Amino acid sequence: MGILSKLTQSLGISSDMNVDEFMSAAEAEDVDVMHQSAKFYVKPIALQSDGDVAIVQEELAHENLVLLNISPMARNPTRLKAVVQQLKEFTLKQNGDMARIDEDKILLTPAEVKIVKRRR
């Protein structure tokens, strides 16, 4: 049984469940992160320019996790490699962590949050 199967089973989500039933787009828009406090957030950010690096670093400094979409910068592999290296150095200095989730996404964590990178 894969990790996703275990996770969905533990959350009570069946394989025939429609994601739209779980949370519609209208409900997602009603989430007001400015007035519903949390210790940290998971923030999706698209890496489109060098300026986005500062945004990622700021979010990590505020103890938020970042789900980084690297596909907009993938057209320039040399620049992408340099930016990812810069983010890696920053994340490690902050005692955070970084892992590639799929071809287009990288997960970055703030200080004291580590990612288990091995599969069982």
N, C-alpha and C. Protein backbone atom coordinates (compact mmCIF):
# COMPACT_ATOMS: atom_id res chain seq x y z
N MET A 1 0.85 -1.17 0.00
CA MET A 1 0.00 0.00 0.00
C MET A 1 0.89 1.24 0.00
N GLY A 2 0.66 2.13 -0.96
CA GLY A 2 1.48 3.33 -1.07
C GLY A 2 1.14 4.36 -0.02
N ILE A 3 2.02 5.33 0.10
CA ILE A 3 1.84 6.37 1.12
C ILE A 3 0.56 7.17 0.88
N LEU A 4 0.25 7.45 -0.40
CA LEU A 4 -0.98 8.20 -0.67
C LEU A 4 -2.21 7.38 -0.30
N SER A 5 -2.15 6.08 -0.55
CA SER A 5 -3.27 5.23 -0.18
C SER A 5 -3.45 5.21 1.33
N LYS A 6 -2.35 5.11 2.07
CA LYS A 6 -2.42 5.12 3.52
C LYS A 6 -2.96 6.44 4.03
N LEU A 7 -2.48 7.54 3.44
CA LEU A 7 -2.91 8.86 3.86
C LEU A 7 -4.39 9.06 3.59
N THR A 8 -4.85 8.72 2.40
CA THR A 8 -6.26 8.91 2.08
C THR A 8 -7.14 8.01 2.93
N GLN A 9 -6.66 6.80 3.21
CA GLN A 9 -7.44 5.90 4.06
C GLN A 9 -7.53 6.44 5.49
N SER A 10 -6.42 6.97 6.01
CA SER A 10 -6.43 7.49 7.38
C SER A 10 -7.27 8.76 7.50
N LEU A 11 -7.39 9.51 6.40
CA LEU A 11 -8.23 10.70 6.41
C LEU A 11 -9.69 10.40 6.10
N GLY A 12 -9.96 9.14 5.77
CA GLY A 12 -11.33 8.76 5.47
C GLY A 12 -11.77 9.16 4.08
N ILE A 13 -10.83 9.30 3.18
CA ILE A 13 -11.14 9.68 1.81
C ILE A 13 -11.13 8.42 0.96
N SER A 14 -12.23 8.14 0.29
CA SER A 14 -12.29 6.94 -0.54
C SER A 14 -11.74 7.26 -1.92
N SER A 15 -11.39 6.22 -2.66
CA SER A 15 -10.79 6.42 -3.98
C SER A 15 -11.81 6.96 -4.98
N ASP A 16 -13.11 6.78 -4.70
CA ASP A 16 -14.12 7.28 -5.61
C ASP A 16 -14.64 8.66 -5.20
N MET A 17 -13.96 9.27 -4.24
CA MET A 17 -14.38 10.60 -3.78
C MET A 17 -14.04 11.65 -4.81
N ASN A 18 -14.95 12.55 -5.04
CA ASN A 18 -14.75 13.66 -5.95
C ASN A 18 -14.10 14.80 -5.18
N VAL A 19 -12.97 15.28 -5.65
CA VAL A 19 -12.25 16.35 -4.95
C VAL A 19 -13.13 17.59 -4.81
N ASP A 20 -13.98 17.83 -5.81
CA ASP A 20 -14.87 18.99 -5.75
C ASP A 20 -15.81 18.92 -4.55
N GLU A 21 -16.15 17.70 -4.15
CA GLU A 21 -17.01 17.55 -2.98
C GLU A 21 -16.26 17.91 -1.70
N PHE A 22 -14.96 17.71 -1.69
CA PHE A 22 -14.16 17.97 -0.50
C PHE A 22 -14.03 19.46 -0.24
N MET A 23 -13.68 20.22 -1.28
CA MET A 23 -13.56 21.67 -1.12
C MET A 23 -13.73 22.33 -2.47
N SER A 24 -14.80 23.04 -2.64
CA SER A 24 -15.04 23.70 -3.92
C SER A 24 -14.18 24.94 -4.04
N ALA A 25 -14.06 25.43 -5.24
CA ALA A 25 -13.26 26.64 -5.47
C ALA A 25 -13.84 27.83 -4.71
N ALA A 26 -15.16 27.88 -4.60
CA ALA A 26 -15.80 28.98 -3.87
C ALA A 26 -15.40 28.95 -2.41
N GLU A 27 -15.33 27.76 -1.82
CA GLU A 27 -14.91 27.65 -0.43
C GLU A 27 -13.46 28.06 -0.28
N ALA A 28 -12.63 27.69 -1.23
CA ALA A 28 -11.21 28.05 -1.17
C ALA A 28 -11.04 29.55 -1.20
N GLU A 29 -11.86 30.24 -1.97
CA GLU A 29 -11.78 31.69 -2.05
C GLU A 29 -12.24 32.36 -0.76
N ASP A 30 -13.09 31.67 0.02
CA ASP A 30 -13.58 32.23 1.27
C ASP A 30 -12.59 32.11 2.41
N VAL A 31 -11.50 31.38 2.22
CA VAL A 31 -10.51 31.24 3.28
C VAL A 31 -9.79 32.57 3.43
N ASP A 32 -9.85 33.14 4.60
CA ASP A 32 -9.27 34.46 4.85
C ASP A 32 -8.05 34.28 5.75
N VAL A 33 -6.87 34.11 5.14
CA VAL A 33 -5.67 33.86 5.92
C VAL A 33 -5.23 35.08 6.72
N MET A 34 -5.75 36.24 6.38
CA MET A 34 -5.37 37.44 7.10
C MET A 34 -6.07 37.52 8.47
N HIS A 35 -7.19 36.83 8.62
CA HIS A 35 -7.94 36.92 9.87
C HIS A 35 -8.10 35.59 10.59
N GLN A 36 -7.67 34.52 9.99
CA GLN A 36 -7.67 33.22 10.64
C GLN A 36 -6.21 32.88 10.94
N SER A 37 -5.83 33.06 12.17
CA SER A 37 -4.42 32.91 12.49
C SER A 37 -3.99 31.45 12.53
N ALA A 38 -2.75 31.24 12.20
CA ALA A 38 -2.12 29.93 12.25
C ALA A 38 -0.66 30.15 12.60
N LYS A 39 0.00 29.11 13.07
CA LYS A 39 1.43 29.25 13.39
C LYS A 39 2.25 29.44 12.13
N PHE A 40 1.86 28.76 11.06
CA PHE A 40 2.54 28.91 9.77
C PHE A 40 1.59 28.50 8.67
N TYR A 41 1.98 28.81 7.45
CA TYR A 41 1.17 28.51 6.28
C TYR A 41 2.00 27.76 5.25
N VAL A 42 1.35 27.09 4.32
CA VAL A 42 1.99 26.51 3.15
C VAL A 42 1.64 27.46 2.01
N LYS A 43 2.66 28.08 1.44
CA LYS A 43 2.44 29.11 0.43
C LYS A 43 2.92 28.64 -0.95
N PRO A 44 2.03 28.58 -1.92
CA PRO A 44 2.46 28.26 -3.29
C PRO A 44 3.01 29.52 -3.95
N ILE A 45 4.18 29.39 -4.54
CA ILE A 45 4.82 30.52 -5.22
C ILE A 45 5.35 30.03 -6.56
N ALA A 46 5.12 30.81 -7.61
CA ALA A 46 5.66 30.49 -8.94
C ALA A 46 6.97 31.25 -9.11
N LEU A 47 8.01 30.54 -9.48
CA LEU A 47 9.33 31.14 -9.69
C LEU A 47 9.39 31.69 -11.11
N GLN A 48 9.09 32.99 -11.24
CA GLN A 48 9.05 33.60 -12.56
C GLN A 48 10.23 34.52 -12.82
N SER A 49 10.80 35.08 -11.76
CA SER A 49 11.93 36.01 -11.93
C SER A 49 12.83 35.94 -10.71
N ASP A 50 13.95 36.64 -10.79
CA ASP A 50 14.89 36.68 -9.66
C ASP A 50 14.25 37.31 -8.43
N GLY A 51 13.29 38.20 -8.62
CA GLY A 51 12.62 38.85 -7.50
C GLY A 51 11.83 37.87 -6.64
N ASP A 52 11.43 36.76 -7.22
CA ASP A 52 10.68 35.77 -6.46
C ASP A 52 11.55 35.07 -5.42
N VAL A 53 12.85 35.09 -5.61
CA VAL A 53 13.77 34.50 -4.63
C VAL A 53 13.62 35.21 -3.29
N ALA A 54 13.55 36.53 -3.31
CA ALA A 54 13.39 37.30 -2.08
C ALA A 54 12.06 37.00 -1.41
N ILE A 55 11.02 36.77 -2.21
CA ILE A 55 9.70 36.42 -1.65
C ILE A 55 9.78 35.08 -0.94
N VAL A 56 10.43 34.11 -1.56
CA VAL A 56 10.59 32.79 -0.96
C VAL A 56 11.37 32.90 0.35
N GLN A 57 12.47 33.63 0.32
CA GLN A 57 13.29 33.79 1.52
C GLN A 57 12.51 34.47 2.64
N GLU A 58 11.70 35.45 2.30
CA GLU A 58 10.88 36.14 3.31
C GLU A 58 9.85 35.19 3.92
N GLU A 59 9.23 34.38 3.09
CA GLU A 59 8.24 33.43 3.60
C GLU A 59 8.90 32.40 4.53
N LEU A 60 10.06 31.93 4.15
CA LEU A 60 10.77 30.98 5.01
C LEU A 60 11.18 31.64 6.33
N ALA A 61 11.60 32.89 6.27
CA ALA A 61 11.97 33.62 7.49
C ALA A 61 10.77 33.80 8.42
N HIS A 62 9.56 33.84 7.83
CA HIS A 62 8.33 33.94 8.63
C HIS A 62 7.79 32.56 9.01
N GLU A 63 8.62 31.53 8.86
CA GLU A 63 8.31 30.15 9.24
C GLU A 63 7.21 29.49 8.41
N ASN A 64 7.01 29.98 7.19
CA ASN A 64 6.05 29.35 6.29
C ASN A 64 6.75 28.34 5.41
N LEU A 65 6.02 27.31 5.01
CA LEU A 65 6.52 26.35 4.04
C LEU A 65 6.20 26.90 2.66
N VAL A 66 7.06 26.62 1.69
CA VAL A 66 6.87 27.13 0.33
C VAL A 66 6.81 25.96 -0.64
N LEU A 67 5.73 25.92 -1.43
CA LEU A 67 5.62 24.97 -2.52
C LEU A 67 5.94 25.77 -3.79
N LEU A 68 7.14 25.59 -4.28
CA LEU A 68 7.67 26.43 -5.36
C LEU A 68 7.47 25.77 -6.72
N ASN A 69 6.76 26.46 -7.60
CA ASN A 69 6.57 26.00 -8.96
C ASN A 69 7.70 26.57 -9.81
N ILE A 70 8.58 25.69 -10.28
CA ILE A 70 9.76 26.14 -11.03
C ILE A 70 9.55 26.12 -12.54
N SER A 71 8.38 25.68 -13.01
CA SER A 71 8.16 25.55 -14.45
C SER A 71 8.28 26.88 -15.21
N PRO A 72 7.86 28.04 -14.66
CA PRO A 72 8.04 29.27 -15.43
C PRO A 72 9.51 29.60 -15.74
N MET A 73 10.43 29.19 -14.88
CA MET A 73 11.84 29.49 -15.10
C MET A 73 12.59 28.31 -15.76
N ALA A 74 11.89 27.22 -15.99
CA ALA A 74 12.53 26.03 -16.57
C ALA A 74 13.02 26.27 -17.99
N ARG A 75 12.51 27.28 -18.64
CA ARG A 75 12.97 27.59 -20.01
C ARG A 75 14.41 28.07 -20.04
N ASN A 76 14.92 28.49 -18.88
CA ASN A 76 16.30 28.95 -18.78
C ASN A 76 17.01 28.07 -17.74
N PRO A 77 17.45 26.87 -18.14
CA PRO A 77 18.03 25.92 -17.18
C PRO A 77 19.23 26.45 -16.41
N THR A 78 20.05 27.27 -17.04
CA THR A 78 21.22 27.82 -16.36
C THR A 78 20.79 28.74 -15.23
N ARG A 79 19.85 29.61 -15.51
CA ARG A 79 19.34 30.54 -14.49
C ARG A 79 18.61 29.78 -13.40
N LEU A 80 17.82 28.79 -13.78
CA LEU A 80 17.08 27.99 -12.81
C LEU A 80 18.04 27.30 -11.84
N LYS A 81 19.11 26.73 -12.38
CA LYS A 81 20.09 26.05 -11.54
C LYS A 81 20.72 27.01 -10.54
N ALA A 82 21.05 28.22 -10.98
CA ALA A 82 21.66 29.21 -10.10
C ALA A 82 20.68 29.64 -9.00
N VAL A 83 19.42 29.84 -9.37
CA VAL A 83 18.42 30.27 -8.39
C VAL A 83 18.16 29.17 -7.37
N VAL A 84 18.04 27.94 -7.84
CA VAL A 84 17.82 26.81 -6.93
C VAL A 84 19.00 26.67 -5.98
N GLN A 85 20.21 26.85 -6.48
CA GLN A 85 21.40 26.79 -5.62
C GLN A 85 21.36 27.90 -4.56
N GLN A 86 20.95 29.09 -4.97
CA GLN A 86 20.84 30.21 -4.03
C GLN A 86 19.80 29.90 -2.94
N LEU A 87 18.67 29.35 -3.33
CA LEU A 87 17.63 28.99 -2.36
C LEU A 87 18.09 27.86 -1.44
N LYS A 88 18.84 26.92 -2.01
CA LYS A 88 19.37 25.81 -1.20
C LYS A 88 20.31 26.34 -0.13
N GLU A 89 21.21 27.22 -0.50
CA GLU A 89 22.15 27.79 0.47
C GLU A 89 21.42 28.55 1.56
N PHE A 90 20.43 29.35 1.18
CA PHE A 90 19.66 30.11 2.17
C PHE A 90 18.91 29.16 3.12
N THR A 91 18.27 28.16 2.55
CA THR A 91 17.49 27.21 3.35
C THR A 91 18.37 26.46 4.34
N LEU A 92 19.53 26.02 3.90
CA LEU A 92 20.43 25.30 4.79
C LEU A 92 20.99 26.21 5.88
N LYS A 93 21.29 27.47 5.56
CA LYS A 93 21.75 28.42 6.58
C LYS A 93 20.69 28.65 7.65
N GLN A 94 19.43 28.57 7.25
CA GLN A 94 18.32 28.78 8.18
C GLN A 94 17.96 27.48 8.92
N ASN A 95 18.68 26.40 8.65
CA ASN A 95 18.41 25.08 9.22
C ASN A 95 17.05 24.54 8.76
N GLY A 96 16.68 24.91 7.53
CA GLY A 96 15.47 24.38 6.92
C GLY A 96 15.81 23.20 6.04
N ASP A 97 14.93 22.91 5.09
CA ASP A 97 15.16 21.78 4.21
C ASP A 97 14.52 22.06 2.85
N MET A 98 14.88 21.23 1.88
CA MET A 98 14.44 21.44 0.51
C MET A 98 14.38 20.09 -0.18
N ALA A 99 13.30 19.83 -0.95
CA ALA A 99 13.19 18.57 -1.69
C ALA A 99 12.35 18.79 -2.94
N ARG A 100 12.74 18.11 -3.99
CA ARG A 100 11.96 18.17 -5.23
C ARG A 100 10.78 17.21 -5.09
N ILE A 101 9.58 17.73 -5.31
CA ILE A 101 8.37 16.93 -5.19
C ILE A 101 8.04 16.24 -6.50
N ASP A 102 8.13 16.97 -7.60
CA ASP A 102 7.95 16.40 -8.93
C ASP A 102 8.75 17.25 -9.92
N GLU A 103 8.51 17.06 -11.18
CA GLU A 103 9.29 17.75 -12.21
C GLU A 103 9.21 19.27 -12.09
N ASP A 104 8.06 19.79 -11.61
CA ASP A 104 7.85 21.23 -11.58
C ASP A 104 7.79 21.84 -10.19
N LYS A 105 7.86 21.05 -9.14
CA LYS A 105 7.64 21.58 -7.79
C LYS A 105 8.78 21.22 -6.84
N ILE A 106 9.13 22.22 -6.01
CA ILE A 106 10.12 22.03 -4.95
C ILE A 106 9.47 22.48 -3.65
N LEU A 107 9.64 21.68 -2.61
CA LEU A 107 9.14 22.03 -1.29
C LEU A 107 10.30 22.57 -0.47
N LEU A 108 10.12 23.76 0.11
CA LEU A 108 11.13 24.38 0.97
C LEU A 108 10.51 24.56 2.34
N THR A 109 11.28 24.23 3.38
CA THR A 109 10.76 24.35 4.74
C THR A 109 11.61 25.32 5.55
N PRO A 110 10.99 25.93 6.54
CA PRO A 110 11.73 26.86 7.40
C PRO A 110 12.57 26.12 8.43
N ALA A 111 13.17 26.87 9.31
CA ALA A 111 14.03 26.31 10.36
C ALA A 111 13.30 25.25 11.15
N GLU A 112 14.04 24.20 11.47
CA GLU A 112 13.58 23.11 12.32
C GLU A 112 12.49 22.23 11.71
N VAL A 113 12.22 22.37 10.41
CA VAL A 113 11.27 21.49 9.73
C VAL A 113 12.06 20.70 8.69
N LYS A 114 12.07 19.40 8.83
CA LYS A 114 12.82 18.54 7.92
C LYS A 114 11.88 17.69 7.08
N ILE A 115 12.35 17.33 5.90
CA ILE A 115 11.58 16.52 4.95
C ILE A 115 12.17 15.11 4.94
N VAL A 116 11.33 14.10 5.10
CA VAL A 116 11.79 12.72 4.98
C VAL A 116 11.88 12.42 3.49
N LYS A 117 13.09 12.13 3.03
CA LYS A 117 13.32 11.99 1.59
C LYS A 117 13.39 10.55 1.11
N ARG A 118 13.39 9.63 2.00
CA ARG A 118 13.44 8.23 1.56
C ARG A 118 12.03 7.67 1.52
N ARG A 119 11.86 6.72 0.63
CA ARG A 119 10.55 6.08 0.49
C ARG A 119 10.58 4.75 1.17
N ARG A 120 9.46 4.37 1.72
CA ARG A 120 9.37 3.05 2.37
C ARG A 120 8.77 2.05 1.47
